[in-house]
């Protein structure tokens, strides 16, 4: 058995635990405390030793492997890598790790998991994994034995047909398969649209609060984002017209607003469509979780009301099947389809045919709709249990789509609170990072119901209550 590693973690430090573990082991290797060939504990064993989540140690090990400091194999386990030497026999030290920047650091921190209450990850319990494995194996065989031709950059026709049929039934969008482009997830679809529209240097309406990845994407596309408040009817179009009447784009989540969960009213939808048609602006509809409406029927898509060809509808299978598929789609007006296809062909092609054909078969045989029904029943039960436990502990809650928002003390940092919970395998998302204007940010935690198994809810809620109480006690303690 490998010996235990002497690491001292400071859970109150602003430095993430992943970085502390990475730095501690890297330093031990550089100082020859851990020598070449020495076996390290598995990331499961080390997480138990340190009292942190498995995901935290796994990511630290991945960083060490990327730095070529350790290597892992099934037979030999995880060991310190043999480092190259100079002609004099001294080891060649690897270059210092490159700082990925604040956005990627936050991205990795919020997506590293897996953890309880972690948003953006679907439950594995309702997915028929054996069936999916068979479908993917069959599609992979068809891909590897077929003619080695370049695939259609718009995506496989079989999948585009299935999506068109599904959208007509579930989202009220009547479109042909030719109006659909398959993408490598929502992010790739957003990138294709922003590149194809050619509106660099213009202004764009963005929901406040709104998805921070989308906000960063608009910035990278050289658009000036104008945060527009959201109320119980969705994006406030009147306020948007007052703040930026010359905007060229609006990005909205009308089905279930991210992160507050409100559904945009019909009045606001018609007002938004009229603005786009009259001003020649564009609307990107991020169909965030709309097909996972837990109670009642999902509202029709905004694109279903568009008669002037101003809405580009972007969806994905990340929240319903698996984010690792990196599979999404765009439904676009015919006028912009040629440009979208050009961008897709030259800059952002879709995933390989095997993945697309497997999902097409999954949809064609009715498995996708049955999977959604099972998933919604599971999520609804988990949400009811979660809200009941939170209220029993005296916490203020608000159901928001697939999350439950928990209000936290105004004087405390919800980001610090989320970091304090992560060592216990609890990974809620801080609400404040969804705001563009810090002065308007409302502190809170987003607890996903998808990653809230009923047997673990009670203990996790108690941990959350303890963490909130501890943060509050620190704030009330007078400084020395």
Protein backbone atom coordinates (compact mmCIF):
# COMPACT_ATOMS: atom_id res chain seq x y z
CA UNK A 1 0.00 0.00 0.00
CA UNK A 2 1.29 3.52 -0.76
CA UNK A 3 2.23 5.60 2.28
CA UNK A 4 -0.04 8.50 3.30
CA UNK A 5 0.93 11.91 1.94
CA UNK A 6 1.52 14.65 4.52
CA UNK A 7 -0.58 17.51 3.17
CA UNK A 8 -1.89 20.37 5.26
CA UNK A 9 -4.99 21.99 3.80
CA UNK A 10 -6.39 25.34 4.86
CA UNK A 11 -10.11 25.16 4.18
CA UNK A 12 -10.53 28.83 5.12
CA UNK A 13 -8.01 29.95 2.49
CA UNK A 14 -9.25 31.64 -0.71
CA UNK A 15 -6.94 29.26 -2.61
CA UNK A 16 -9.12 26.35 -3.86
CA UNK A 17 -8.40 22.99 -2.24
CA UNK A 18 -7.61 21.51 -5.64
CA UNK A 19 -4.77 23.98 -6.07
CA UNK A 20 -3.52 23.38 -2.53
CA UNK A 21 -3.32 19.62 -3.14
CA UNK A 22 -1.67 20.12 -6.53
CA UNK A 23 0.87 22.55 -5.11
CA UNK A 24 1.66 20.36 -2.08
CA UNK A 25 2.34 17.21 -4.10
CA UNK A 26 4.24 19.10 -6.81
CA UNK A 27 6.48 20.68 -4.16
CA UNK A 28 7.14 17.28 -2.58
CA UNK A 29 8.16 15.90 -5.98
CA UNK A 30 10.39 18.87 -6.76
CA UNK A 31 12.17 18.48 -3.42
CA UNK A 32 12.56 14.70 -3.95
CA UNK A 33 10.41 13.94 -0.92
CA UNK A 34 8.38 11.91 -3.39
CA UNK A 35 10.86 10.21 -5.72
CA UNK A 36 10.43 8.83 -9.22
CA UNK A 37 8.47 5.59 -9.27
CA UNK A 38 6.99 6.04 -5.79
CA UNK A 39 3.38 4.96 -5.66
CA UNK A 40 0.78 7.53 -4.59
CA UNK A 41 -2.59 6.84 -2.98
CA UNK A 42 -5.51 6.64 -5.39
CA UNK A 43 -7.53 9.80 -5.56
CA UNK A 44 -10.33 7.95 -3.75
CA UNK A 45 -8.02 6.97 -0.87
CA UNK A 46 -6.42 10.41 -0.68
CA UNK A 47 -9.82 12.14 -0.59
CA UNK A 48 -10.76 9.96 2.38
CA UNK A 49 -7.44 10.72 4.08
CA UNK A 50 -7.80 14.48 3.61
CA UNK A 51 -11.54 14.66 4.28
CA UNK A 52 -12.33 16.29 0.94
CA UNK A 53 -14.50 15.26 -2.00
CA UNK A 54 -13.21 12.77 -4.52
CA UNK A 55 -13.64 15.25 -7.35
CA UNK A 56 -11.29 17.71 -5.65
CA UNK A 57 -8.43 15.19 -5.53
CA UNK A 58 -9.20 13.80 -8.98
CA UNK A 59 -8.79 17.24 -10.57
CA UNK A 60 -5.55 17.84 -8.64
CA UNK A 61 -4.22 14.53 -9.98
CA UNK A 62 -5.29 15.48 -13.50
CA UNK A 63 -3.30 18.72 -13.19
CA UNK A 64 -0.25 16.82 -11.91
CA UNK A 65 -0.52 14.39 -14.82
CA UNK A 66 -0.80 17.31 -17.26
CA UNK A 67 2.39 18.73 -15.70
CA UNK A 68 4.01 15.30 -16.31
CA UNK A 69 4.73 14.92 -12.61
CA UNK A 70 2.70 11.73 -12.11
CA UNK A 71 1.44 8.93 -14.31
CA UNK A 72 -1.35 6.44 -13.78
CA UNK A 73 -2.10 2.97 -15.08
CA UNK A 74 -4.54 0.23 -14.13
CA UNK A 75 -1.79 -2.25 -13.30
CA UNK A 76 0.76 -0.03 -11.54
CA UNK A 77 -1.55 2.54 -9.99
CA UNK A 78 -0.61 6.22 -9.70
CA UNK A 79 3.13 6.83 -9.41
CA UNK A 80 5.59 9.72 -9.49
CA UNK A 81 6.81 10.08 -13.07
CA UNK A 82 10.45 9.64 -14.03
CA UNK A 83 11.76 13.07 -14.93
CA UNK A 84 14.25 13.66 -17.74
CA UNK A 85 17.76 14.73 -16.71
CA UNK A 86 20.36 17.12 -18.06
CA UNK A 87 23.79 15.83 -19.26
CA UNK A 88 25.07 16.48 -15.72
CA UNK A 89 22.42 14.17 -14.29
CA UNK A 90 20.27 16.87 -12.68
CA UNK A 91 16.52 16.55 -13.18
CA UNK A 92 14.89 18.85 -15.69
CA UNK A 93 12.29 20.89 -13.86
CA UNK A 94 9.03 21.44 -15.72
CA UNK A 95 7.98 25.03 -16.41
CA UNK A 96 5.71 26.59 -13.80
CA UNK A 97 1.98 26.05 -14.39
CA UNK A 98 0.29 28.64 -16.57
CA UNK A 99 -2.40 30.74 -14.94
CA UNK A 100 -5.56 30.00 -17.00
CA UNK A 101 -7.12 33.33 -16.01
CA UNK A 102 -10.04 34.21 -13.74
CA UNK A 103 -12.81 32.98 -16.05
CA UNK A 104 -11.40 29.49 -16.62
CA UNK A 105 -10.50 29.25 -12.93
CA UNK A 106 -14.12 30.00 -12.01
CA UNK A 107 -15.35 27.68 -14.78
CA UNK A 108 -13.27 24.79 -13.46
CA UNK A 109 -14.33 25.49 -9.90
CA UNK A 110 -18.05 25.47 -10.74
CA UNK A 111 -17.93 22.41 -13.02
CA UNK A 112 -15.31 20.15 -11.41
CA UNK A 113 -17.65 18.03 -9.24
CA UNK A 114 -19.43 15.79 -9.12
CA UNK A 115 -21.13 17.03 -5.99
CA UNK A 116 -24.51 17.13 -4.31
CA UNK A 117 -26.74 20.00 -5.50
CA UNK A 118 -24.36 20.79 -8.38
CA UNK A 119 -26.25 22.60 -11.18
CA UNK A 120 -25.90 21.75 -14.85
CA UNK A 121 -25.52 17.99 -14.38
CA UNK A 122 -28.40 15.56 -15.05
CA UNK A 123 -29.18 12.62 -12.82
CA UNK A 124 -27.80 9.26 -13.91
CA UNK A 125 -30.62 7.39 -12.18
CA UNK A 126 -33.26 7.85 -14.88
CA UNK A 127 -31.04 7.36 -17.94
CA UNK A 128 -31.19 3.84 -19.47
CA UNK A 129 -27.42 3.47 -19.57
CA UNK A 130 -27.33 -0.09 -20.96
CA UNK A 131 -29.62 0.87 -23.81
CA UNK A 132 -27.55 3.98 -24.52
CA UNK A 133 -24.37 1.90 -24.53
CA UNK A 134 -25.86 -0.50 -27.12
CA UNK A 135 -27.04 2.34 -29.34
CA UNK A 136 -23.67 4.08 -29.23
CA UNK A 137 -21.77 0.85 -29.91
CA UNK A 138 -24.01 0.12 -32.91
CA UNK A 139 -23.55 3.65 -34.27
CA UNK A 140 -19.80 3.54 -33.73
CA UNK A 141 -19.62 0.25 -35.67
CA UNK A 142 -21.61 1.80 -38.52
CA UNK A 143 -19.27 4.81 -38.54
CA UNK A 144 -16.03 2.81 -38.54
CA UNK A 145 -17.19 0.36 -41.24
CA UNK A 146 -18.75 2.96 -43.53
CA UNK A 147 -17.12 5.01 -46.28
CA UNK A 148 -14.51 7.48 -44.88
CA UNK A 149 -16.23 10.59 -46.20
CA UNK A 150 -16.42 14.02 -44.64
CA UNK A 151 -19.80 14.34 -42.88
CA UNK A 152 -22.32 17.09 -43.55
CA UNK A 153 -21.23 20.11 -41.44
CA UNK A 154 -24.90 20.82 -40.73
CA UNK A 155 -25.17 17.47 -38.94
CA UNK A 156 -26.60 14.06 -39.71
CA UNK A 157 -29.94 14.23 -41.50
CA UNK A 158 -31.36 11.41 -39.36
CA UNK A 159 -30.86 13.44 -36.18
CA UNK A 160 -32.10 16.67 -37.73
CA UNK A 161 -35.32 14.90 -38.74
CA UNK A 162 -35.87 13.55 -35.25
CA UNK A 163 -35.25 16.95 -33.66
CA UNK A 164 -37.66 18.65 -36.08
CA UNK A 165 -40.39 16.17 -35.19
CA UNK A 166 -39.72 16.45 -31.48
CA UNK A 167 -39.76 20.27 -31.52
CA UNK A 168 -43.10 20.33 -33.36
CA UNK A 169 -44.71 18.24 -30.61
CA UNK A 170 -42.97 19.53 -27.49
CA UNK A 171 -42.00 23.13 -28.23
CA UNK A 172 -44.51 24.20 -30.88
CA UNK A 173 -41.79 24.96 -33.46
CA UNK A 174 -42.75 24.03 -37.00
CA UNK A 175 -39.56 23.74 -39.04
CA UNK A 176 -37.93 21.52 -41.65
CA UNK A 177 -34.78 19.48 -40.98
CA UNK A 178 -32.95 21.90 -43.29
CA UNK A 179 -33.52 24.68 -40.74
CA UNK A 180 -31.61 22.73 -38.08
CA UNK A 181 -27.86 22.64 -37.55
CA UNK A 182 -26.28 20.15 -35.15
CA UNK A 183 -23.65 21.70 -32.88
CA UNK A 184 -21.11 20.69 -30.25
CA UNK A 185 -23.40 21.79 -27.43
CA UNK A 186 -24.96 25.12 -26.51
CA UNK A 187 -21.62 26.94 -26.38
CA UNK A 188 -20.75 25.97 -29.95
CA UNK A 189 -24.23 26.92 -31.15
CA UNK A 190 -23.92 30.34 -29.51
CA UNK A 191 -20.48 30.84 -31.06
CA UNK A 192 -21.73 29.95 -34.55
CA UNK A 193 -24.68 32.34 -34.27
CA UNK A 194 -22.62 35.26 -32.94
CA UNK A 195 -20.05 34.80 -35.70
CA UNK A 196 -22.63 34.46 -38.48
CA UNK A 197 -24.75 37.48 -37.55
CA UNK A 198 -21.84 39.90 -38.04
CA UNK A 199 -22.88 42.34 -35.30
CA UNK A 200 -19.49 42.91 -33.68
CA UNK A 201 -19.21 46.26 -31.92
CA UNK A 202 -22.97 46.54 -31.34
CA UNK A 203 -24.91 46.32 -28.09
CA UNK A 204 -26.81 43.29 -26.79
CA UNK A 205 -29.52 42.91 -24.18
CA UNK A 206 -28.63 40.35 -21.51
CA UNK A 207 -30.84 39.18 -18.66
CA UNK A 208 -29.83 40.39 -15.20
CA UNK A 209 -29.18 37.99 -13.55
CA UNK A 210 -28.15 35.83 -16.48
CA UNK A 211 -25.89 32.97 -17.49
CA UNK A 212 -22.32 34.15 -16.95
CA UNK A 213 -20.91 31.88 -19.69
CA UNK A 214 -23.23 33.56 -22.19
CA UNK A 215 -22.13 36.98 -20.93
CA UNK A 216 -18.49 36.02 -21.45
CA UNK A 217 -19.29 34.71 -24.95
CA UNK A 218 -20.89 38.03 -25.90
CA UNK A 219 -17.80 39.84 -24.66
CA UNK A 220 -15.52 37.56 -26.70
CA UNK A 221 -17.70 38.32 -29.75
CA UNK A 222 -16.95 42.01 -29.14
CA UNK A 223 -20.49 42.91 -28.16
CA UNK A 224 -21.31 45.37 -25.40
CA UNK A 225 -23.66 43.63 -22.99
CA UNK A 226 -26.40 45.74 -21.44
CA UNK A 227 -27.84 44.04 -18.32
CA UNK A 228 -31.65 44.19 -18.31
CA UNK A 229 -33.55 43.44 -15.08
CA UNK A 230 -35.81 40.39 -14.89
CA UNK A 231 -39.12 40.44 -13.01
CA UNK A 232 -41.98 37.97 -12.63
CA UNK A 233 -42.79 38.27 -16.37
CA UNK A 234 -39.23 37.82 -17.58
CA UNK A 235 -36.95 40.35 -19.25
CA UNK A 236 -38.34 43.89 -18.84
CA UNK A 237 -38.54 45.02 -22.46
CA UNK A 238 -39.58 48.58 -21.58
CA UNK A 239 -36.44 49.00 -19.46
CA UNK A 240 -34.35 47.49 -22.26
CA UNK A 241 -35.74 50.01 -24.75
CA UNK A 242 -34.90 52.80 -22.35
CA UNK A 243 -31.33 51.62 -21.68
CA UNK A 244 -30.31 50.48 -25.16
CA UNK A 245 -32.88 51.13 -27.91
CA UNK A 246 -30.15 50.63 -30.55
CA UNK A 247 -29.26 47.08 -29.48
CA UNK A 248 -28.71 44.56 -32.26
CA UNK A 249 -29.35 41.45 -30.20
CA UNK A 250 -31.24 40.11 -27.21
CA UNK A 251 -30.31 36.84 -25.49
CA UNK A 252 -33.14 35.41 -23.41
CA UNK A 253 -34.19 32.24 -21.58
CA UNK A 254 -37.98 32.63 -21.92
CA UNK A 255 -39.04 29.09 -21.02
CA UNK A 256 -37.47 28.96 -17.55
CA UNK A 257 -35.26 31.95 -16.90
CA UNK A 258 -31.73 31.16 -15.81
CA UNK A 259 -31.32 31.37 -12.85
CA UNK A 260 -34.63 32.66 -11.40
CA UNK A 261 -36.89 30.16 -13.16
CA UNK A 262 -39.67 32.56 -14.26
CA UNK A 263 -41.47 32.00 -17.57
CA UNK A 264 -41.67 34.99 -19.88
CA UNK A 265 -45.25 36.18 -20.27
CA UNK A 266 -46.99 36.22 -23.63
CA UNK A 267 -47.20 40.03 -23.45
CA UNK A 268 -43.43 40.33 -23.07
CA UNK A 269 -42.79 37.77 -25.81
CA UNK A 270 -44.90 39.67 -28.32
CA UNK A 271 -43.29 42.95 -27.26
CA UNK A 272 -39.81 41.47 -27.73
CA UNK A 273 -40.68 40.03 -31.16
CA UNK A 274 -42.17 43.35 -32.28
CA UNK A 275 -38.98 45.19 -31.26
CA UNK A 276 -36.79 42.75 -33.20
CA UNK A 277 -38.96 42.94 -36.32
CA UNK A 278 -39.23 46.74 -36.29
CA UNK A 279 -35.53 47.41 -35.59
CA UNK A 280 -34.01 44.55 -37.59
CA UNK A 281 -32.47 43.09 -34.42
CA UNK A 282 -31.97 39.42 -33.59
CA UNK A 283 -33.13 37.29 -30.68
CA UNK A 284 -31.22 34.27 -29.41
CA UNK A 285 -33.53 31.94 -27.51
CA UNK A 286 -31.56 29.80 -25.09
CA UNK A 287 -34.02 26.96 -24.47
CA UNK A 288 -32.64 26.47 -20.97
CA UNK A 289 -34.44 23.54 -19.26
CA UNK A 290 -37.76 24.35 -20.95
CA UNK A 291 -38.45 20.69 -21.80
CA UNK A 292 -37.88 19.85 -18.11
CA UNK A 293 -40.82 21.84 -16.79
CA UNK A 294 -41.58 19.88 -13.62
CA UNK A 295 -45.21 20.89 -13.19
CA UNK A 296 -47.61 21.43 -16.04
CA UNK A 297 -46.82 21.58 -19.70
CA UNK A 298 -43.80 23.58 -20.89
CA UNK A 299 -44.64 26.90 -22.52
CA UNK A 300 -44.24 26.97 -26.31
CA UNK A 301 -40.89 28.23 -27.51
CA UNK A 302 -40.48 31.89 -28.38
CA UNK A 303 -39.47 30.78 -31.88
CA UNK A 304 -42.94 29.27 -32.35
CA UNK A 305 -44.39 32.81 -32.32
CA UNK A 306 -41.81 34.28 -34.70
CA UNK A 307 -43.39 35.15 -38.05
CA UNK A 308 -40.69 37.58 -39.21
CA UNK A 309 -37.61 35.35 -39.00
CA UNK A 310 -35.78 37.11 -36.14
CA UNK A 311 -35.36 34.28 -33.57
CA UNK A 312 -32.53 31.76 -33.47
CA UNK A 313 -33.43 28.91 -31.12
CA UNK A 314 -30.54 27.05 -29.44
CA UNK A 315 -31.04 23.80 -27.55
CA UNK A 316 -28.86 20.99 -26.27
CA UNK A 317 -28.96 17.50 -24.76
CA UNK A 318 -26.56 18.38 -21.94
CA UNK A 319 -29.23 18.77 -19.25
CA UNK A 320 -31.48 15.94 -20.44
CA UNK A 321 -28.95 13.20 -21.34
CA UNK A 322 -25.27 13.98 -20.67
CA UNK A 323 -23.08 17.11 -20.96
CA UNK A 324 -20.17 14.94 -22.15
CA UNK A 325 -22.00 14.35 -25.42
CA UNK A 326 -21.33 18.00 -26.36
CA UNK A 327 -24.42 17.80 -28.55
CA UNK A 328 -26.82 20.63 -29.32
CA UNK A 329 -28.69 22.24 -32.17
CA UNK A 330 -29.75 25.54 -33.74
CA UNK A 331 -33.14 26.21 -35.32
CA UNK A 332 -32.72 29.22 -37.58
CA UNK A 333 -34.69 31.33 -40.04
CA UNK A 334 -33.99 30.40 -43.66
CA UNK A 335 -32.40 33.79 -44.44
CA UNK A 336 -29.38 33.15 -42.18
CA UNK A 337 -28.97 29.41 -42.79
CA UNK A 338 -26.29 29.71 -45.52
CA UNK A 339 -24.05 31.85 -43.30
CA UNK A 340 -24.56 29.58 -40.30
CA UNK A 341 -23.64 26.55 -42.39
CA UNK A 342 -20.48 28.31 -43.63
CA UNK A 343 -19.37 29.08 -40.08
CA UNK A 344 -20.11 25.53 -38.98
CA UNK A 345 -18.19 24.02 -41.89
CA UNK A 346 -15.13 26.25 -41.49
CA UNK A 347 -14.93 26.96 -37.75
CA UNK A 348 -17.19 24.74 -35.62
CA UNK A 349 -18.23 21.35 -37.05
CA UNK A 350 -20.58 19.13 -35.04
CA UNK A 351 -19.57 15.98 -33.14
CA UNK A 352 -18.87 12.81 -35.11
CA UNK A 353 -21.66 10.86 -36.82
CA UNK A 354 -21.62 8.01 -34.27
CA UNK A 355 -22.81 10.25 -31.44
CA UNK A 356 -25.45 11.87 -33.59
CA UNK A 357 -26.82 8.61 -34.97
CA UNK A 358 -27.04 7.07 -31.49
CA UNK A 359 -29.16 9.97 -30.23
CA UNK A 360 -31.26 9.84 -33.42
CA UNK A 361 -32.04 6.17 -32.70
CA UNK A 362 -32.75 7.01 -29.05
CA UNK A 363 -35.33 9.58 -30.17
CA UNK A 364 -36.77 7.60 -33.09
CA UNK A 365 -37.70 4.61 -30.93
CA UNK A 366 -39.47 6.74 -28.32
CA UNK A 367 -36.83 6.29 -25.62
CA UNK A 368 -36.13 10.02 -25.30
CA UNK A 369 -39.72 10.98 -24.44
CA UNK A 370 -39.98 8.12 -21.94
CA UNK A 371 -36.67 9.20 -20.43
CA UNK A 372 -37.94 12.77 -20.02
CA UNK A 373 -41.11 11.56 -18.28
CA UNK A 374 -39.09 9.42 -15.84
CA UNK A 375 -36.66 12.25 -15.23
CA UNK A 376 -39.37 14.79 -14.44
CA UNK A 377 -41.04 12.46 -11.95
CA UNK A 378 -37.69 11.84 -10.25
CA UNK A 379 -36.77 15.54 -10.11
CA UNK A 380 -40.17 16.56 -8.78
CA UNK A 381 -39.90 14.06 -5.91
CA UNK A 382 -36.36 15.20 -5.10
CA UNK A 383 -37.38 18.86 -5.18
CA UNK A 384 -40.26 18.27 -2.75
CA UNK A 385 -37.96 16.46 -0.31
CA UNK A 386 -35.28 19.15 -0.63
CA UNK A 387 -37.64 22.06 -0.01
CA UNK A 388 -39.22 20.28 2.96
CA UNK A 389 -35.83 19.69 4.62
CA UNK A 390 -34.61 23.23 3.95
CA UNK A 391 -37.75 24.79 5.42
CA UNK A 392 -37.57 22.48 8.42
CA UNK A 393 -34.13 23.97 9.08
CA UNK A 394 -35.48 27.52 8.86
CA UNK A 395 -33.94 28.43 5.50
CA UNK A 396 -35.70 30.72 3.03
CA UNK A 397 -36.20 28.91 -0.27
CA UNK A 398 -37.55 29.59 -3.74
CA UNK A 399 -38.12 26.93 -6.41
CA UNK A 400 -36.49 28.02 -9.67
CA UNK A 401 -36.72 25.55 -12.56
CA UNK A 402 -34.45 22.61 -11.64
CA UNK A 403 -32.91 24.45 -8.71
CA UNK A 404 -33.95 25.61 -5.28
CA UNK A 405 -32.61 29.05 -4.39
CA UNK A 406 -31.54 29.47 -0.77
CA UNK A 407 -31.03 32.99 0.47
CA UNK A 408 -27.79 33.52 2.41
CA UNK A 409 -26.72 36.31 4.82
CA UNK A 410 -26.30 39.59 2.99
CA UNK A 411 -22.96 40.29 4.66
CA UNK A 412 -21.48 36.91 3.67
CA UNK A 413 -19.93 35.91 0.37
CA UNK A 414 -21.99 33.17 -1.26
CA UNK A 415 -18.90 32.20 -3.30
CA UNK A 416 -16.93 31.65 -0.08
CA UNK A 417 -19.86 29.68 1.32
CA UNK A 418 -19.94 27.44 -1.75
CA UNK A 419 -16.19 26.86 -1.45
CA UNK A 420 -16.59 25.95 2.22
CA UNK A 421 -19.15 23.27 1.31
CA UNK A 422 -17.19 21.67 -1.51
CA UNK A 423 -14.83 19.65 0.75
CA UNK A 424 -17.94 17.83 2.00
CA UNK A 425 -18.97 16.85 -1.52
CA UNK A 426 -21.65 19.56 -1.68
CA UNK A 427 -21.40 21.82 -4.73
CA UNK A 428 -24.15 24.46 -4.99
CA UNK A 429 -23.60 27.43 -7.31
CA UNK A 430 -23.34 30.95 -5.86
CA UNK A 431 -26.09 33.21 -7.16
CA UNK A 432 -23.99 36.40 -7.13
CA UNK A 433 -21.81 35.31 -10.07
CA UNK A 434 -24.90 35.42 -12.32
CA UNK A 435 -25.05 39.22 -11.97
CA UNK A 436 -23.11 41.58 -14.21
CA UNK A 437 -23.50 44.52 -11.82
CA UNK A 438 -22.08 43.60 -8.40
CA UNK A 439 -24.03 46.33 -6.65
CA UNK A 440 -27.30 44.59 -7.61
CA UNK A 441 -26.16 41.04 -6.86
CA UNK A 442 -28.36 39.09 -4.48
CA UNK A 443 -26.40 36.54 -2.39
CA UNK A 444 -27.69 33.01 -2.38
CA UNK A 445 -27.00 29.42 -3.35
CA UNK A 446 -28.51 27.46 -6.23
CA UNK A 447 -29.18 23.87 -5.19
CA UNK A 448 -29.88 21.62 -8.17
CA UNK A 449 -32.58 19.02 -7.61
CA UNK A 450 -31.07 16.81 -10.33
CA UNK A 451 -28.03 16.04 -8.16
CA UNK A 452 -29.97 15.65 -4.91
CA UNK A 453 -30.57 11.93 -4.24
CA UNK A 454 -33.29 11.59 -1.60
CA UNK A 455 -31.24 9.44 0.81
CA UNK A 456 -28.54 12.14 1.00
CA UNK A 457 -30.71 15.25 1.19
CA UNK A 458 -31.19 15.42 4.96
CA UNK A 459 -27.50 15.22 5.86
CA UNK A 460 -26.50 17.63 3.07
CA UNK A 461 -29.08 20.19 4.22
CA UNK A 462 -27.73 19.99 7.77
CA UNK A 463 -24.21 20.64 6.44
CA UNK A 464 -25.56 23.63 4.55
CA UNK A 465 -27.28 25.01 7.64
CA UNK A 466 -24.09 24.55 9.68
CA UNK A 467 -22.00 26.33 7.02
CA UNK A 468 -24.41 29.28 6.88
CA UNK A 469 -24.40 29.55 10.68
CA UNK A 470 -20.59 29.42 10.74
CA UNK A 471 -20.31 32.18 8.14
CA UNK A 472 -22.79 34.30 10.09
CA UNK A 473 -20.86 33.77 13.33
CA UNK A 474 -17.63 34.88 11.67
CA UNK A 475 -19.28 38.06 10.46
CA UNK A 476 -20.64 38.86 13.91
CA UNK A 477 -17.29 38.34 15.67
CA UNK A 478 -15.57 41.74 16.19
CA UNK A 479 -12.13 42.00 14.64
CA UNK A 480 -9.12 42.18 16.94
